[in-house]
C-alpha atoms as a PDB file:
ATOM      1  CA  MET A   1      10.315   9.754 -10.747  1.00  0.00           C
ATOM      2  CA  LEU A   2       7.096   9.344  -8.650  1.00  0.00           C
ATOM      3  CA  LYS A   3       5.855   6.083  -9.905  1.00  0.00           C
ATOM      4  CA  TRP A   4       7.819   4.223  -7.301  1.00  0.00           C
ATOM      5  CA  LEU A   5       6.171   6.031  -4.403  1.00  0.00           C
ATOM      6  CA  VAL A   6       2.949   7.109  -5.207  1.00  0.00           C
ATOM      7  CA  TRP A   7       0.798   3.886  -4.867  1.00  0.00           C
ATOM      8  CA  LEU A   8       1.808   3.516  -1.182  1.00  0.00           C
ATOM      9  CA  TRP A   9       2.580   6.979  -0.399  1.00  0.00           C
ATOM     10  CA  LEU A  10      -0.817   8.439   0.029  1.00  0.00           C
ATOM     11  CA  PRO A  11      -3.887   7.144   1.681  1.00  0.00           C
ATOM     12  CA  VAL A  12      -2.654   3.780   2.214  1.00  0.00           C
ATOM     13  CA  TRP A  13       0.405   4.550   4.457  1.00  0.00           C
ATOM     14  CA  LEU A  14      -1.457   6.349   7.191  1.00  0.00           C
ATOM     15  CA  ALA A  15      -4.279   6.216   9.622  1.00  0.00           C
ATOM     16  CA  SER A  16      -4.248   3.648  12.308  1.00  0.00           C
ATOM     17  CA  GLY A  17      -8.043   3.394  12.102  1.00  0.00           C
ATOM     18  CA  ALA A  18     -11.026   5.681  11.275  1.00  0.00           C
ATOM     19  CA  THR A  19     -11.636   8.417  13.920  1.00  0.00           C
ATOM     20  CA  ALA A  20     -15.188   9.661  14.420  1.00  0.00           C
ATOM     21  CA  SER A  21     -14.851  12.130  11.384  1.00  0.00           C
ATOM     22  CA  THR A  22     -13.111   9.722   9.083  1.00  0.00           C
ATOM     23  CA  ALA A  23     -15.570   7.026   9.841  1.00  0.00           C
ATOM     24  CA  ALA A  24     -18.474   9.326   9.007  1.00  0.00           C
ATOM     25  CA  ALA A  25     -16.711  10.581   5.540  1.00  0.00           C
ATOM     26  CA  GLY A  26     -17.060   8.614   2.492  1.00  0.00           C
ATOM     27  CA  PRO A  27     -13.963   6.965   0.861  1.00  0.00           C
ATOM     28  CA  LEU A  28     -12.914  10.121  -0.736  1.00  0.00           C
ATOM     29  CA  GLY A  29     -13.048  12.038   2.512  1.00  0.00           C
ATOM     30  CA  GLN A  30     -11.199   9.355   4.205  1.00  0.00           C
ATOM     31  CA  VAL A  31      -8.519   9.237   1.470  1.00  0.00           C
ATOM     32  CA  GLN A  32      -7.877  13.050   1.760  1.00  0.00           C
ATOM     33  CA  THR A  33      -7.758  12.969   5.679  1.00  0.00           C
ATOM     34  CA  THR A  34      -5.025  10.238   5.339  1.00  0.00           C
ATOM     35  CA  VAL A  35      -3.001  12.228   2.766  1.00  0.00           C
ATOM     36  CA  GLU A  36      -2.985  15.335   4.652  1.00  0.00           C
ATOM     37  CA  ALA A  37      -1.961  13.436   7.719  1.00  0.00           C
ATOM     38  CA  ILE A  38       0.970  11.618   5.920  1.00  0.00           C
ATOM     39  CA  LEU A  39       2.153  14.893   4.470  1.00  0.00           C
ATOM     40  CA  ALA A  40       2.350  16.261   7.850  1.00  0.00           C
ATOM     41  CA  VAL A  41       4.448  13.579   9.065  1.00  0.00           C
ATOM     42  CA  LEU A  42       6.857  13.780   6.146  1.00  0.00           C
ATOM     43  CA  LYS A  43       7.032  17.558   6.645  1.00  0.00           C
ATOM     44  CA  ASP A  44       7.851  17.387  10.342  1.00  0.00           C
ATOM     45  CA  GLY A  45      11.418  18.440  10.592  1.00  0.00           C
ATOM     46  CA  GLN A  46      11.703  17.818  14.192  1.00  0.00           C
ATOM     47  CA  GLN A  47      11.513  13.940  13.848  1.00  0.00           C
ATOM     48  CA  GLU A  48      14.517  11.887  13.097  1.00  0.00           C
ATOM     49  CA  ALA A  49      14.162   9.230  10.407  1.00  0.00           C
ATOM     50  CA  PRO A  50      13.797   6.181  12.884  1.00  0.00           C
ATOM     51  CA  ALA A  51      11.080   7.919  14.722  1.00  0.00           C
ATOM     52  CA  ARG A  52       9.266   9.134  11.392  1.00  0.00           C
ATOM     53  CA  ARG A  53       9.482   5.608   9.971  1.00  0.00           C
ATOM     54  CA  ALA A  54       8.158   3.992  13.314  1.00  0.00           C
ATOM     55  CA  ALA A  55       5.258   6.300  13.248  1.00  0.00           C
ATOM     56  CA  ILE A  56       4.418   5.463   9.545  1.00  0.00           C
ATOM     57  CA  ARG A  57       4.911   1.700  10.352  1.00  0.00           C
ATOM     58  CA  THR A  58       2.513   1.953  13.255  1.00  0.00           C
ATOM     59  CA  LEU A  59      -0.074   3.778  11.286  1.00  0.00           C
ATOM     60  CA  VAL A  60      -0.084   2.027   7.937  1.00  0.00           C
ATOM     61  CA  HIS A  61      -1.673  -1.280   9.022  1.00  0.00           C
ATOM     62  CA  GLY A  62      -4.834   0.598   9.867  1.00  0.00           C
ATOM     63  CA  ARG A  63      -5.446   1.647   6.373  1.00  0.00           C
ATOM     64  CA  PHE A  64      -4.122  -1.152   4.232  1.00  0.00           C
ATOM     65  CA  ASP A  65      -6.199  -4.208   4.043  1.00  0.00           C
ATOM     66  CA  PHE A  66      -3.208  -6.467   3.742  1.00  0.00           C
ATOM     67  CA  ARG A  67      -4.983  -9.723   3.864  1.00  0.00           C
ATOM     68  CA  ALA A  68      -7.501  -8.742   1.121  1.00  0.00           C
ATOM     69  CA  MET A  69      -4.601  -7.559  -0.975  1.00  0.00           C
ATOM     70  CA  SER A  70      -2.716 -10.774  -0.418  1.00  0.00           C
ATOM     71  CA  GLN A  71      -5.781 -12.868  -1.263  1.00  0.00           C
ATOM     72  CA  GLY A  72      -5.996 -10.965  -4.609  1.00  0.00           C
ATOM     73  CA  THR A  73      -2.385 -11.194  -5.179  1.00  0.00           C
ATOM     74  CA  LEU A  74      -2.277 -14.928  -4.786  1.00  0.00           C
ATOM     75  CA  ALA A  75      -5.733 -15.691  -6.414  1.00  0.00           C
ATOM     76  CA  THR A  76      -6.088 -19.362  -6.967  1.00  0.00           C
ATOM     77  CA  HIS A  77      -3.036 -20.246  -5.020  1.00  0.00           C
ATOM     78  CA  TRP A  78      -4.680 -18.388  -1.858  1.00  0.00           C
ATOM     79  CA  ARG A  79      -7.511 -21.159  -1.796  1.00  0.00           C
ATOM     80  CA  LYS A  80      -4.759 -23.957  -2.059  1.00  0.00           C
ATOM     81  CA  ALA A  81      -2.704 -22.476   0.692  1.00  0.00           C
ATOM     82  CA  THR A  82      -3.127 -23.505   4.413  1.00  0.00           C
ATOM     83  CA  GLU A  83      -4.071 -20.901   7.016  1.00  0.00           C
ATOM     84  CA  ALA A  84      -0.563 -20.927   8.295  1.00  0.00           C
ATOM     85  CA  GLU A  85       0.797 -20.287   4.800  1.00  0.00           C
ATOM     86  CA  ARG A  86      -1.705 -17.523   4.157  1.00  0.00           C
ATOM     87  CA  ASP A  87      -0.697 -15.837   7.531  1.00  0.00           C
ATOM     88  CA  GLN A  88       3.062 -16.045   6.687  1.00  0.00           C
ATOM     89  CA  PHE A  89       2.616 -14.757   3.169  1.00  0.00           C
ATOM     90  CA  VAL A  90       0.525 -11.740   4.713  1.00  0.00           C
ATOM     91  CA  GLU A  91       3.172 -10.823   7.007  1.00  0.00           C
ATOM     92  CA  LEU A  92       5.852 -11.092   4.478  1.00  0.00           C
ATOM     93  CA  PHE A  93       4.203  -9.370   1.889  1.00  0.00           C
ATOM     94  CA  SER A  94       3.359  -6.373   4.167  1.00  0.00           C
ATOM     95  CA  ASP A  95       6.867  -6.383   5.409  1.00  0.00           C
ATOM     96  CA  LEU A  96       8.338  -6.407   1.868  1.00  0.00           C
ATOM     97  CA  LEU A  97       6.292  -3.490   0.670  1.00  0.00           C
ATOM     98  CA  GLU A  98       7.062  -1.403   3.625  1.00  0.00           C
ATOM     99  CA  ALA A  99      10.876  -2.316   3.272  1.00  0.00           C
ATOM    100  CA  SER A 100      10.791  -1.744  -0.535  1.00  0.00           C
ATOM    101  CA  TYR A 101       9.106   1.776  -0.454  1.00  0.00           C
ATOM    102  CA  MET A 102       9.717   3.408   2.941  1.00  0.00           C
ATOM    103  CA  ALA A 103      12.900   5.465   1.723  1.00  0.00           C
ATOM    104  CA  LYS A 104      11.038   6.379  -1.483  1.00  0.00           C
ATOM    105  CA  ILE A 105       8.103   7.794   0.513  1.00  0.00           C
ATOM    106  CA  GLU A 106      10.489   9.864   2.462  1.00  0.00           C
ATOM    107  CA  ALA A 107      11.592  11.444  -0.886  1.00  0.00           C
ATOM    108  CA  TYR A 108       8.427  13.305  -1.122  1.00  0.00           C
ATOM    109  CA  THR A 109       9.052  16.857  -2.432  1.00  0.00           C
ATOM    110  CA  ASP A 110       5.901  19.093  -2.192  1.00  0.00           C
ATOM    111  CA  GLU A 111       4.050  17.460  -5.290  1.00  0.00           C
ATOM    112  CA  ARG A 112       0.280  18.627  -5.384  1.00  0.00           C
ATOM    113  CA  ILE A 113      -2.579  16.072  -5.069  1.00  0.00           C
ATOM    114  CA  GLU A 114      -5.738  16.624  -6.621  1.00  0.00           C
ATOM    115  CA  TYR A 115      -8.978  14.591  -5.429  1.00  0.00           C
ATOM    116  CA  VAL A 116     -11.048  13.870  -8.608  1.00  0.00           C
ATOM    117  CA  LYS A 117     -13.922  11.726  -7.766  1.00  0.00           C
ATOM    118  CA  GLU A 118     -15.244   8.683  -5.677  1.00  0.00           C
ATOM    119  CA  ARG A 119     -17.492   5.878  -7.048  1.00  0.00           C
ATOM    120  CA  ILE A 120     -19.251   3.566  -4.402  1.00  0.00           C
ATOM    121  CA  ASP A 121     -20.768   0.311  -5.407  1.00  0.00           C
ATOM    122  CA  GLY A 122     -22.085  -1.708  -2.431  1.00  0.00           C
ATOM    123  CA  ASN A 123     -19.129  -2.209  -0.118  1.00  0.00           C
ATOM    124  CA  LYS A 124     -16.604  -1.354  -2.788  1.00  0.00           C
ATOM    125  CA  ALA A 125     -15.356   2.012  -3.970  1.00  0.00           C
ATOM    126  CA  THR A 126     -12.723   3.659  -6.204  1.00  0.00           C
ATOM    127  CA  VAL A 127     -11.040   7.164  -5.495  1.00  0.00           C
ATOM    128  CA  ASP A 128      -9.530   8.735  -8.498  1.00  0.00           C
ATOM    129  CA  THR A 129      -6.478  11.174  -7.615  1.00  0.00           C
ATOM    130  CA  VAL A 130      -4.053  12.964  -9.633  1.00  0.00           C
ATOM    131  CA  ILE A 131      -0.524  13.679  -8.482  1.00  0.00           C
ATOM    132  CA  VAL A 132       0.626  16.884 -10.271  1.00  0.00           C
ATOM    133  CA  THR A 133       4.269  17.705 -10.709  1.00  0.00           C
ATOM    134  CA  LYS A 134       5.829  20.264 -12.532  1.00  0.00           C
ATOM    135  CA  SER A 135       6.448  18.051 -15.661  1.00  0.00           C
ATOM    136  CA  VAL A 136       3.614  15.447 -15.550  1.00  0.00           C
ATOM    137  CA  GLU A 137       0.295  14.357 -14.103  1.00  0.00           C
ATOM    138  CA  ILE A 138       0.061  10.849 -12.754  1.00  0.00           C
ATOM    139  CA  PRO A 139      -3.409   9.379 -12.275  1.00  0.00           C
ATOM    140  CA  ILE A 140      -3.754   7.161  -9.162  1.00  0.00           C
ATOM    141  CA  ARG A 141      -6.836   5.157  -8.421  1.00  0.00           C
ATOM    142  CA  TYR A 142      -7.307   3.513  -5.175  1.00  0.00           C
ATOM    143  CA  LYS A 143      -9.662   0.692  -4.628  1.00  0.00           C
ATOM    144  CA  LEU A 144     -11.212   0.372  -1.158  1.00  0.00           C
ATOM    145  CA  VAL A 145     -13.596  -2.080   0.645  1.00  0.00           C
ATOM    146  CA  ASP A 146     -15.944  -1.087   3.455  1.00  0.00           C
ATOM    147  CA  ARG A 147     -15.105  -2.335   6.768  1.00  0.00           C
ATOM    148  CA  ALA A 148     -17.991  -0.984   9.130  1.00  0.00           C
ATOM    149  CA  GLY A 149     -17.610   2.566   7.826  1.00  0.00           C
ATOM    150  CA  ASP A 150     -13.673   2.378   7.617  1.00  0.00           C
ATOM    151  CA  TRP A 151     -12.645   2.130   3.989  1.00  0.00           C
ATOM    152  CA  ARG A 152      -9.604   0.205   3.509  1.00  0.00           C
ATOM    153  CA  VAL A 153      -7.491   0.103   0.353  1.00  0.00           C
ATOM    154  CA  TYR A 154      -6.905  -3.466  -1.192  1.00  0.00           C
ATOM    155  CA  ASP A 155      -5.477  -2.251  -4.712  1.00  0.00           C
ATOM    156  CA  VAL A 156      -4.023   0.692  -6.327  1.00  0.00           C
ATOM    157  CA  ALA A 157      -3.643   1.390 -10.027  1.00  0.00           C
ATOM    158  CA  ILE A 158      -1.057   3.734 -11.413  1.00  0.00           C
ATOM    159  CA  GLU A 159      -1.802   4.899 -14.982  1.00  0.00           C
ATOM    160  CA  ASP A 160      -4.358   1.809 -15.068  1.00  0.00           C
ATOM    161  CA  VAL A 161      -1.531  -0.615 -13.885  1.00  0.00           C
ATOM    162  CA  SER A 162      -2.812  -2.740 -10.939  1.00  0.00           C
ATOM    163  CA  LEU A 163      -0.382  -3.353  -8.052  1.00  0.00           C
ATOM    164  CA  VAL A 164      -2.189  -6.552  -7.289  1.00  0.00           C
ATOM    165  CA  ARG A 165      -2.131  -7.900 -10.667  1.00  0.00           C
ATOM    166  CA  ASN A 166       1.720  -6.983 -11.086  1.00  0.00           C
ATOM    167  CA  TYR A 167       2.552  -8.999  -8.041  1.00  0.00           C
ATOM    168  CA  ARG A 168      -0.101 -11.727  -8.980  1.00  0.00           C
ATOM    169  CA  SER A 169       1.909 -12.441 -12.353  1.00  0.00           C
ATOM    170  CA  THR A 170       5.173 -12.427 -10.576  1.00  0.00           C
ATOM    171  CA  TYR A 171       4.263 -14.600  -7.521  1.00  0.00           C
ATOM    172  CA  GLY A 172       2.098 -16.957  -9.663  1.00  0.00           C
ATOM    173  CA  GLU A 173       5.280 -17.777 -11.629  1.00  0.00           C
ATOM    174  CA  ILE A 174       7.281 -18.624  -8.575  1.00  0.00           C
ATOM    175  CA  VAL A 175       4.619 -20.700  -7.011  1.00  0.00           C
ATOM    176  CA  ASN A 176       4.094 -22.735 -10.367  1.00  0.00           C
ATOM    177  CA  ARG A 177       7.878 -23.370 -10.656  1.00  0.00           C
ATOM    178  CA  ASP A 178       8.983 -23.691  -6.853  1.00  0.00           C
ATOM    179  CA  GLY A 179       5.699 -24.206  -4.910  1.00  0.00           C
ATOM    180  CA  PHE A 180       4.354 -22.134  -2.006  1.00  0.00           C
ATOM    181  CA  ASP A 181       7.293 -22.783   0.316  1.00  0.00           C
ATOM    182  CA  GLY A 182       9.616 -21.714  -2.604  1.00  0.00           C
ATOM    183  CA  LEU A 183       7.682 -18.268  -2.787  1.00  0.00           C
ATOM    184  CA  LEU A 184       7.845 -17.745   0.998  1.00  0.00           C
ATOM    185  CA  ALA A 185      11.591 -18.607   0.866  1.00  0.00           C
ATOM    186  CA  GLN A 186      12.376 -16.154  -1.844  1.00  0.00           C
ATOM    187  CA  MET A 187      10.238 -13.466  -0.005  1.00  0.00           C
ATOM    188  CA  ARG A 188      12.420 -14.073   3.150  1.00  0.00           C
ATOM    189  CA  THR A 189      15.511 -13.725   1.265  1.00  0.00           C
ATOM    190  CA  LYS A 190      14.499 -10.630  -0.532  1.00  0.00           C
ATOM    191  CA  LEU A 191      13.283  -9.074   2.799  1.00  0.00           C
ATOM    192  CA  ALA A 192      16.602  -9.837   4.427  1.00  0.00           C
ATOM    193  CA  ASP A 193      18.414  -8.260   1.624  1.00  0.00           C
ATOM    194  CA  LEU A 194      16.312  -5.160   1.699  1.00  0.00           C
ATOM    195  CA  LYS A 195      16.972  -4.654   5.241  1.00  0.00           C
ATOM    196  CA  ASN A 196      20.626  -5.450   5.015  1.00  0.00           C
ATOM    197  CA  ALA A 197      20.847  -2.760   2.222  1.00  0.00           C
ATOM    198  CA  GLY A 198      18.825  -0.240   4.333  1.00  0.00           C
ATOM    199  CA  GLU A 199      16.949   1.117   1.403  1.00  0.00           C
ATOM    200  CA  GLY A 200      14.171  -0.078  -0.889  1.00  0.00           C
ATOM    201  CA  SER A 201      13.915  -1.422  -4.236  1.00  0.00           C
ATOM    202  CA  ALA A 202      10.743  -3.297  -5.568  1.00  0.00           C
ATOM    203  CA  PRO A 203      10.714  -6.826  -4.995  1.00  0.00           C
END
């Protein structure tokens, strides 16, 4: 039940930038800080849905390195794209992820998070966490890059399945078949459909 929300649901969907305390912390500490912050937003019964979503929308872009994520998703196609095409892709990709998963994020129901370990290798790091439910434990690995002490997520793996690799396969097939313009057109159509539907489903 949780697979559709976990990869965006925790550290990546909150924190508008490192505060003094989070900037001083390592990647695991920053992950834990953002997890607790988003849980507070989700548990705040005083906020109406539009306000809650607006708050999350404002904060998410500070923790997610969408450009690095987009580059990894497009792989060789990123190098072939113009700067304008890259900018369009980054904007559409981030909007699609938000539209696809926002409603699912809000379905959080007090699952427990365990922070297992961090590994730092130069300016890259991984943080292993586990989502513990009544019936299953779901391992989540966050891949982060150091941006002047602010650790930004550029990929998430759920049970060893990488989000970036998953989208890379799907989008790569579209580019090979329909070209980059065709990919952007399909993304715009999907985004419009999601907004019209008012709820998310993975693109």
